[in-house]
Amino acid sequence: MDLGRLIGRYPVAKSFRVRLADQAGIPRTGPVVLVANHSSMVDGPILFGVLPRRVVFLIKQEMFRGLAGRGLRRIGQLAVRRGVPDRAPLLAAQQVLRGGGVVGVFPEGTRGSGDVAQAQQGAAWLARSTGALVVPVACRGTRRPEGSGRRFRPVVDVLVGTPFELPADKGRQALEKATEQVRDRLATLVAELDSRRSVSGEAG
């Protein structure tokens, strides 16, 4: 494991009890677009530390400030300007994938409930333009329930889904269809993880 992931793993281990399931779902080699739900700022650091391959995440540009921003750049993460046309990070992510790497995208575009009720088109575009596999990853337990106090090392579950390919059909409608496929696969995985956590007595 590289130094950046080691550094990221220890603070996570002290703050959360992370349970990773179906780790074999991530191919060991080849280009992968990893799509994950997003409900907390720590989702990215947790996934960066616990997944078996180094992931280059697309992260909002506001995070690239000060010491944290320098750290993100040092470990190769990509800044995205939300709300404005900006192809530069997508083209950089394309190069990562064409080099056989892993790119992480939160297709919801912003933090929320993490239920994946909607998705933006970037992840599907990247996978279709590079031939990368898509791997959905559900993460639950990072968001503190409203009205609750500070939690001591809450349980965070990470569930890796089955890799899948997107059709290579061209055109706007095909991209919209592929984006909905990404959203549906990820939302279904999140619902499965919620069900597992409900049975085990965990919530959120």
C-alpha atoms as a PDB file:
ATOM      1  CA  MET A   1       0.000   0.000   0.000  1.00  0.00           C
ATOM      2  CA  ASP A   2       1.346   3.476  -0.867  1.00  0.00           C
ATOM      3  CA  LEU A   3       2.166   6.128   1.719  1.00  0.00           C
ATOM      4  CA  GLY A   4      -0.840   8.338   0.923  1.00  0.00           C
ATOM      5  CA  ARG A   5      -3.321   5.537   1.570  1.00  0.00           C
ATOM      6  CA  LEU A   6      -1.512   4.518   4.766  1.00  0.00           C
ATOM      7  CA  ILE A   7      -1.679   8.077   6.065  1.00  0.00           C
ATOM      8  CA  GLY A   8      -5.379   8.231   5.174  1.00  0.00           C
ATOM      9  CA  ARG A   9      -6.175   4.889   6.796  1.00  0.00           C
ATOM     10  CA  TYR A  10      -5.005   5.535  10.366  1.00  0.00           C
ATOM     11  CA  PRO A  11      -7.176   8.603  11.158  1.00  0.00           C
ATOM     12  CA  VAL A  12     -10.143   6.699   9.716  1.00  0.00           C
ATOM     13  CA  ALA A  13      -9.409   3.667  11.884  1.00  0.00           C
ATOM     14  CA  LYS A  14      -9.331   5.857  14.994  1.00  0.00           C
ATOM     15  CA  SER A  15     -12.607   7.589  14.193  1.00  0.00           C
ATOM     16  CA  PHE A  16     -14.714   4.801  12.632  1.00  0.00           C
ATOM     17  CA  ARG A  17     -15.166   1.043  12.699  1.00  0.00           C
ATOM     18  CA  VAL A  18     -15.159   0.278   8.986  1.00  0.00           C
ATOM     19  CA  ARG A  19     -16.561  -3.007   7.686  1.00  0.00           C
ATOM     20  CA  LEU A  20     -15.720  -3.787   4.064  1.00  0.00           C
ATOM     21  CA  ALA A  21     -17.763  -6.424   2.195  1.00  0.00           C
ATOM     22  CA  ASP A  22     -17.336  -8.018  -1.263  1.00  0.00           C
ATOM     23  CA  GLN A  23     -13.879  -6.566  -1.776  1.00  0.00           C
ATOM     24  CA  ALA A  24     -13.292  -9.042  -4.622  1.00  0.00           C
ATOM     25  CA  GLY A  25     -15.774  -7.040  -6.697  1.00  0.00           C
ATOM     26  CA  ILE A  26     -13.039  -4.563  -7.704  1.00  0.00           C
ATOM     27  CA  PRO A  27     -10.919  -5.921 -10.572  1.00  0.00           C
ATOM     28  CA  ARG A  28      -7.247  -6.065  -9.622  1.00  0.00           C
ATOM     29  CA  THR A  29      -6.126  -4.623 -12.944  1.00  0.00           C
ATOM     30  CA  GLY A  30      -7.546  -2.533 -15.763  1.00  0.00           C
ATOM     31  CA  PRO A  31      -9.518   0.722 -15.923  1.00  0.00           C
ATOM     32  CA  VAL A  32     -12.374   1.128 -13.455  1.00  0.00           C
ATOM     33  CA  VAL A  33     -14.863   3.922 -12.850  1.00  0.00           C
ATOM     34  CA  LEU A  34     -15.876   3.573  -9.219  1.00  0.00           C
ATOM     35  CA  VAL A  35     -19.227   5.198  -8.418  1.00  0.00           C
ATOM     36  CA  ALA A  36     -20.239   5.773  -4.805  1.00  0.00           C
ATOM     37  CA  ASN A  37     -23.084   7.430  -2.935  1.00  0.00           C
ATOM     38  CA  HIS A  38     -22.249  10.567  -0.979  1.00  0.00           C
ATOM     39  CA  SER A  39     -23.624  11.653   2.399  1.00  0.00           C
ATOM     40  CA  SER A  40     -20.563  12.929   4.297  1.00  0.00           C
ATOM     41  CA  MET A  41     -17.215  14.636   3.717  1.00  0.00           C
ATOM     42  CA  VAL A  42     -15.417  11.550   5.041  1.00  0.00           C
ATOM     43  CA  ASP A  43     -16.828   9.176   2.394  1.00  0.00           C
ATOM     44  CA  GLY A  44     -13.913   9.884   0.062  1.00  0.00           C
ATOM     45  CA  PRO A  45     -11.124   9.479   2.655  1.00  0.00           C
ATOM     46  CA  ILE A  46     -12.657   6.241   3.917  1.00  0.00           C
ATOM     47  CA  LEU A  47     -12.902   4.732   0.442  1.00  0.00           C
ATOM     48  CA  PHE A  48      -9.431   5.974  -0.476  1.00  0.00           C
ATOM     49  CA  GLY A  49      -7.976   4.192   2.538  1.00  0.00           C
ATOM     50  CA  VAL A  50      -9.855   0.887   2.584  1.00  0.00           C
ATOM     51  CA  LEU A  51     -10.312  -0.095  -1.065  1.00  0.00           C
ATOM     52  CA  PRO A  52      -7.711  -2.460  -2.544  1.00  0.00           C
ATOM     53  CA  ARG A  53      -6.591  -0.136  -5.365  1.00  0.00           C
ATOM     54  CA  ARG A  54      -5.549   3.518  -5.364  1.00  0.00           C
ATOM     55  CA  VAL A  55      -8.467   5.682  -6.462  1.00  0.00           C
ATOM     56  CA  VAL A  56      -8.225   9.110  -8.106  1.00  0.00           C
ATOM     57  CA  PHE A  57     -11.363  10.951  -7.002  1.00  0.00           C
ATOM     58  CA  LEU A  58     -13.083  13.888  -8.674  1.00  0.00           C
ATOM     59  CA  ILE A  59     -13.502  16.326  -5.760  1.00  0.00           C
ATOM     60  CA  LYS A  60     -15.111  19.766  -5.596  1.00  0.00           C
ATOM     61  CA  GLN A  61     -12.578  22.547  -6.011  1.00  0.00           C
ATOM     62  CA  GLU A  62     -13.520  24.173  -2.683  1.00  0.00           C
ATOM     63  CA  MET A  63     -11.684  21.331  -0.919  1.00  0.00           C
ATOM     64  CA  PHE A  64      -8.387  22.260  -2.585  1.00  0.00           C
ATOM     65  CA  ARG A  65      -7.473  25.012  -0.136  1.00  0.00           C
ATOM     66  CA  GLY A  66      -4.742  25.298   2.451  1.00  0.00           C
ATOM     67  CA  LEU A  67      -2.967  22.281   3.852  1.00  0.00           C
ATOM     68  CA  ALA A  68      -5.790  19.888   2.902  1.00  0.00           C
ATOM     69  CA  GLY A  69      -5.667  21.096  -0.688  1.00  0.00           C
ATOM     70  CA  ARG A  70      -1.929  20.563  -0.918  1.00  0.00           C
ATOM     71  CA  GLY A  71      -2.391  17.063   0.458  1.00  0.00           C
ATOM     72  CA  LEU A  72      -5.090  16.248  -2.104  1.00  0.00           C
ATOM     73  CA  ARG A  73      -2.857  17.392  -4.948  1.00  0.00           C
ATOM     74  CA  ARG A  74       0.092  15.406  -3.619  1.00  0.00           C
ATOM     75  CA  ILE A  75      -1.928  12.183  -3.754  1.00  0.00           C
ATOM     76  CA  GLY A  76      -3.185  12.921  -7.265  1.00  0.00           C
ATOM     77  CA  GLN A  77      -6.825  13.864  -6.676  1.00  0.00           C
ATOM     78  CA  LEU A  78      -8.644  15.996  -9.268  1.00  0.00           C
ATOM     79  CA  ALA A  79     -10.446  19.286  -8.609  1.00  0.00           C
ATOM     80  CA  VAL A  80     -13.850  19.883 -10.198  1.00  0.00           C
ATOM     81  CA  ARG A  81     -15.585  23.242 -10.490  1.00  0.00           C
ATOM     82  CA  ARG A  82     -19.254  22.640  -9.849  1.00  0.00           C
ATOM     83  CA  GLY A  83     -21.889  24.534 -11.804  1.00  0.00           C
ATOM     84  CA  VAL A  84     -19.582  25.602 -14.659  1.00  0.00           C
ATOM     85  CA  PRO A  85     -18.450  23.808 -17.832  1.00  0.00           C
ATOM     86  CA  ASP A  86     -15.046  22.316 -17.023  1.00  0.00           C
ATOM     87  CA  ARG A  87     -13.717  19.507 -19.198  1.00  0.00           C
ATOM     88  CA  ALA A  88     -10.162  19.627 -17.823  1.00  0.00           C
ATOM     89  CA  PRO A  89     -10.731  17.257 -14.864  1.00  0.00           C
ATOM     90  CA  LEU A  90     -12.721  14.834 -17.041  1.00  0.00           C
ATOM     91  CA  LEU A  91      -9.916  14.741 -19.597  1.00  0.00           C
ATOM     92  CA  ALA A  92      -7.387  14.183 -16.807  1.00  0.00           C
ATOM     93  CA  ALA A  93      -9.582  11.371 -15.458  1.00  0.00           C
ATOM     94  CA  GLN A  94      -9.713   9.902 -18.962  1.00  0.00           C
ATOM     95  CA  GLN A  95      -5.918   9.712 -18.981  1.00  0.00           C
ATOM     96  CA  VAL A  96      -5.932   7.898 -15.636  1.00  0.00           C
ATOM     97  CA  LEU A  97      -8.352   5.321 -17.017  1.00  0.00           C
ATOM     98  CA  ARG A  98      -6.461   4.895 -20.281  1.00  0.00           C
ATOM     99  CA  GLY A  99      -3.416   4.160 -18.148  1.00  0.00           C
ATOM    100  CA  GLY A 100      -5.330   1.338 -16.451  1.00  0.00           C
ATOM    101  CA  GLY A 101      -6.151   3.238 -13.259  1.00  0.00           C
ATOM    102  CA  VAL A 102      -9.227   3.738 -11.081  1.00  0.00           C
ATOM    103  CA  VAL A 103     -11.276   6.949 -11.041  1.00  0.00           C
ATOM    104  CA  GLY A 104     -13.808   7.586  -8.278  1.00  0.00           C
ATOM    105  CA  VAL A 105     -16.966   9.615  -8.924  1.00  0.00           C
ATOM    106  CA  PHE A 106     -19.817  10.623  -6.627  1.00  0.00           C
ATOM    107  CA  PRO A 107     -22.493  10.796  -9.345  1.00  0.00           C
ATOM    108  CA  GLU A 108     -25.017  12.563  -7.123  1.00  0.00           C
ATOM    109  CA  GLY A 109     -22.781  15.625  -7.486  1.00  0.00           C
ATOM    110  CA  THR A 110     -23.115  16.791  -3.883  1.00  0.00           C
ATOM    111  CA  ARG A 111     -23.637  15.466  -0.379  1.00  0.00           C
ATOM    112  CA  GLY A 112     -27.156  14.529   0.660  1.00  0.00           C
ATOM    113  CA  SER A 113     -29.075  11.527   1.904  1.00  0.00           C
ATOM    114  CA  GLY A 114     -26.911   9.207  -0.191  1.00  0.00           C
ATOM    115  CA  ASP A 115     -29.935   7.402  -1.642  1.00  0.00           C
ATOM    116  CA  VAL A 116     -28.868   8.227  -5.236  1.00  0.00           C
ATOM    117  CA  ALA A 117     -32.181   9.680  -6.340  1.00  0.00           C
ATOM    118  CA  GLN A 118     -30.393  11.444  -9.206  1.00  0.00           C
ATOM    119  CA  ALA A 119     -27.063  11.209 -11.005  1.00  0.00           C
ATOM    120  CA  GLN A 120     -24.944  13.396 -13.229  1.00  0.00           C
ATOM    121  CA  GLN A 121     -23.494  12.144 -16.501  1.00  0.00           C
ATOM    122  CA  GLY A 122     -19.735  12.319 -15.818  1.00  0.00           C
ATOM    123  CA  ALA A 123     -19.261   8.740 -14.627  1.00  0.00           C
ATOM    124  CA  ALA A 124     -21.129   7.220 -17.566  1.00  0.00           C
ATOM    125  CA  TRP A 125     -19.261   9.455 -20.014  1.00  0.00           C
ATOM    126  CA  LEU A 126     -15.898   8.401 -18.593  1.00  0.00           C
ATOM    127  CA  ALA A 127     -16.730   4.699 -18.698  1.00  0.00           C
ATOM    128  CA  ARG A 128     -18.129   4.817 -22.224  1.00  0.00           C
ATOM    129  CA  SER A 129     -15.282   6.900 -23.634  1.00  0.00           C
ATOM    130  CA  THR A 130     -12.556   4.652 -22.218  1.00  0.00           C
ATOM    131  CA  GLY A 131     -14.150   1.198 -22.110  1.00  0.00           C
ATOM    132  CA  ALA A 132     -13.696   1.079 -18.331  1.00  0.00           C
ATOM    133  CA  LEU A 133     -15.760  -1.178 -16.123  1.00  0.00           C
ATOM    134  CA  VAL A 134     -18.123   0.489 -13.663  1.00  0.00           C
ATOM    135  CA  VAL A 135     -18.033  -0.667 -10.047  1.00  0.00           C
ATOM    136  CA  PRO A 136     -20.760   0.605  -7.673  1.00  0.00           C
ATOM    137  CA  VAL A 137     -19.781   1.079  -4.031  1.00  0.00           C
ATOM    138  CA  ALA A 138     -22.271   1.839  -1.241  1.00  0.00           C
ATOM    139  CA  CYS A 139     -21.119   3.553   1.944  1.00  0.00           C
ATOM    140  CA  ARG A 140     -23.299   4.005   5.033  1.00  0.00           C
ATOM    141  CA  GLY A 141     -22.686   5.166   8.590  1.00  0.00           C
ATOM    142  CA  THR A 142     -20.650   8.298   7.942  1.00  0.00           C
ATOM    143  CA  ARG A 143     -23.579  10.708   8.233  1.00  0.00           C
ATOM    144  CA  ARG A 144     -24.615  11.554  11.776  1.00  0.00           C
ATOM    145  CA  PRO A 145     -28.396  11.200  12.178  1.00  0.00           C
ATOM    146  CA  GLU A 146     -30.152  14.520  12.722  1.00  0.00           C
ATOM    147  CA  GLY A 147     -30.735  15.267  16.391  1.00  0.00           C
ATOM    148  CA  SER A 148     -28.075  12.848  17.599  1.00  0.00           C
ATOM    149  CA  GLY A 149     -24.983  13.834  19.559  1.00  0.00           C
ATOM    150  CA  ARG A 150     -21.364  13.084  18.883  1.00  0.00           C
ATOM    151  CA  ARG A 151     -20.810   9.386  18.177  1.00  0.00           C
ATOM    152  CA  PHE A 152     -17.872   7.319  19.392  1.00  0.00           C
ATOM    153  CA  ARG A 153     -16.331   5.305  16.532  1.00  0.00           C
ATOM    154  CA  PRO A 154     -19.584   4.625  14.654  1.00  0.00           C
ATOM    155  CA  VAL A 155     -19.787   1.568  12.402  1.00  0.00           C
ATOM    156  CA  VAL A 156     -19.312   2.408   8.717  1.00  0.00           C
ATOM    157  CA  ASP A 157     -20.199  -0.233   6.155  1.00  0.00           C
ATOM    158  CA  VAL A 158     -18.721  -0.298   2.660  1.00  0.00           C
ATOM    159  CA  LEU A 159     -20.331  -2.690   0.174  1.00  0.00           C
ATOM    160  CA  VAL A 160     -18.678  -3.264  -3.194  1.00  0.00           C
ATOM    161  CA  GLY A 161     -21.043  -4.273  -5.964  1.00  0.00           C
ATOM    162  CA  THR A 162     -20.607  -6.330  -9.120  1.00  0.00           C
ATOM    163  CA  PRO A 163     -18.639  -4.685 -11.959  1.00  0.00           C
ATOM    164  CA  PHE A 164     -20.599  -4.013 -15.135  1.00  0.00           C
ATOM    165  CA  GLU A 165     -20.094  -2.598 -18.607  1.00  0.00           C
ATOM    166  CA  LEU A 166     -22.055   0.196 -20.209  1.00  0.00           C
ATOM    167  CA  PRO A 167     -23.274  -0.032 -23.814  1.00  0.00           C
ATOM    168  CA  ALA A 168     -21.089   1.817 -26.311  1.00  0.00           C
ATOM    169  CA  ASP A 169     -24.030   3.362 -28.203  1.00  0.00           C
ATOM    170  CA  LYS A 170     -23.411   6.961 -29.228  1.00  0.00           C
ATOM    171  CA  GLY A 171     -25.557  10.028 -28.804  1.00  0.00           C
ATOM    172  CA  ARG A 172     -27.188  12.047 -26.049  1.00  0.00           C
ATOM    173  CA  GLN A 173     -30.036   9.605 -25.449  1.00  0.00           C
ATOM    174  CA  ALA A 174     -27.586   6.726 -25.111  1.00  0.00           C
ATOM    175  CA  LEU A 175     -25.590   8.706 -22.539  1.00  0.00           C
ATOM    176  CA  GLU A 176     -28.758   9.496 -20.595  1.00  0.00           C
ATOM    177  CA  LYS A 177     -29.707   5.803 -20.641  1.00  0.00           C
ATOM    178  CA  ALA A 178     -26.232   4.793 -19.451  1.00  0.00           C
ATOM    179  CA  THR A 179     -26.380   7.392 -16.686  1.00  0.00           C
ATOM    180  CA  GLU A 180     -29.694   5.986 -15.485  1.00  0.00           C
ATOM    181  CA  GLN A 181     -28.158   2.503 -15.499  1.00  0.00           C
ATOM    182  CA  VAL A 182     -25.333   3.762 -13.277  1.00  0.00           C
ATOM    183  CA  ARG A 183     -27.797   5.492 -10.955  1.00  0.00           C
ATOM    184  CA  ASP A 184     -30.059   2.430 -10.721  1.00  0.00           C
ATOM    185  CA  ARG A 185     -27.212  -0.019 -10.005  1.00  0.00           C
ATOM    186  CA  LEU A 186     -25.787   2.222  -7.289  1.00  0.00           C
ATOM    187  CA  ALA A 187     -29.174   3.030  -5.726  1.00  0.00           C
ATOM    188  CA  THR A 188     -30.018  -0.687  -5.620  1.00  0.00           C
ATOM    189  CA  LEU A 189     -26.723  -1.440  -3.886  1.00  0.00           C
ATOM    190  CA  VAL A 190     -27.326   1.315  -1.321  1.00  0.00           C
ATOM    191  CA  ALA A 191     -30.782  -0.116  -0.598  1.00  0.00           C
ATOM    192  CA  GLU A 192     -29.230  -3.566  -0.133  1.00  0.00           C
ATOM    193  CA  LEU A 193     -26.691  -2.174   2.324  1.00  0.00           C
ATOM    194  CA  ASP A 194     -29.442  -0.324   4.226  1.00  0.00           C
ATOM    195  CA  SER A 195     -31.309  -3.615   4.538  1.00  0.00           C
ATOM    196  CA  ARG A 196     -28.219  -5.384   5.864  1.00  0.00           C
ATOM    197  CA  ARG A 197     -27.580  -2.635   8.405  1.00  0.00           C
ATOM    198  CA  SER A 198     -31.208  -2.727   9.533  1.00  0.00           C
ATOM    199  CA  VAL A 199     -30.938  -6.435  10.243  1.00  0.00           C
ATOM    200  CA  SER A 200     -27.690  -5.919  12.185  1.00  0.00           C
ATOM    201  CA  GLY A 201     -29.185  -3.057  14.215  1.00  0.00           C
ATOM    202  CA  GLU A 202     -27.263  -0.246  12.525  1.00  0.00           C
ATOM    203  CA  ALA A 203     -28.986   2.796  11.038  1.00  0.00           C
ATOM    204  CA  GLY A 204     -28.120   5.563   8.590  1.00  0.00           C
END
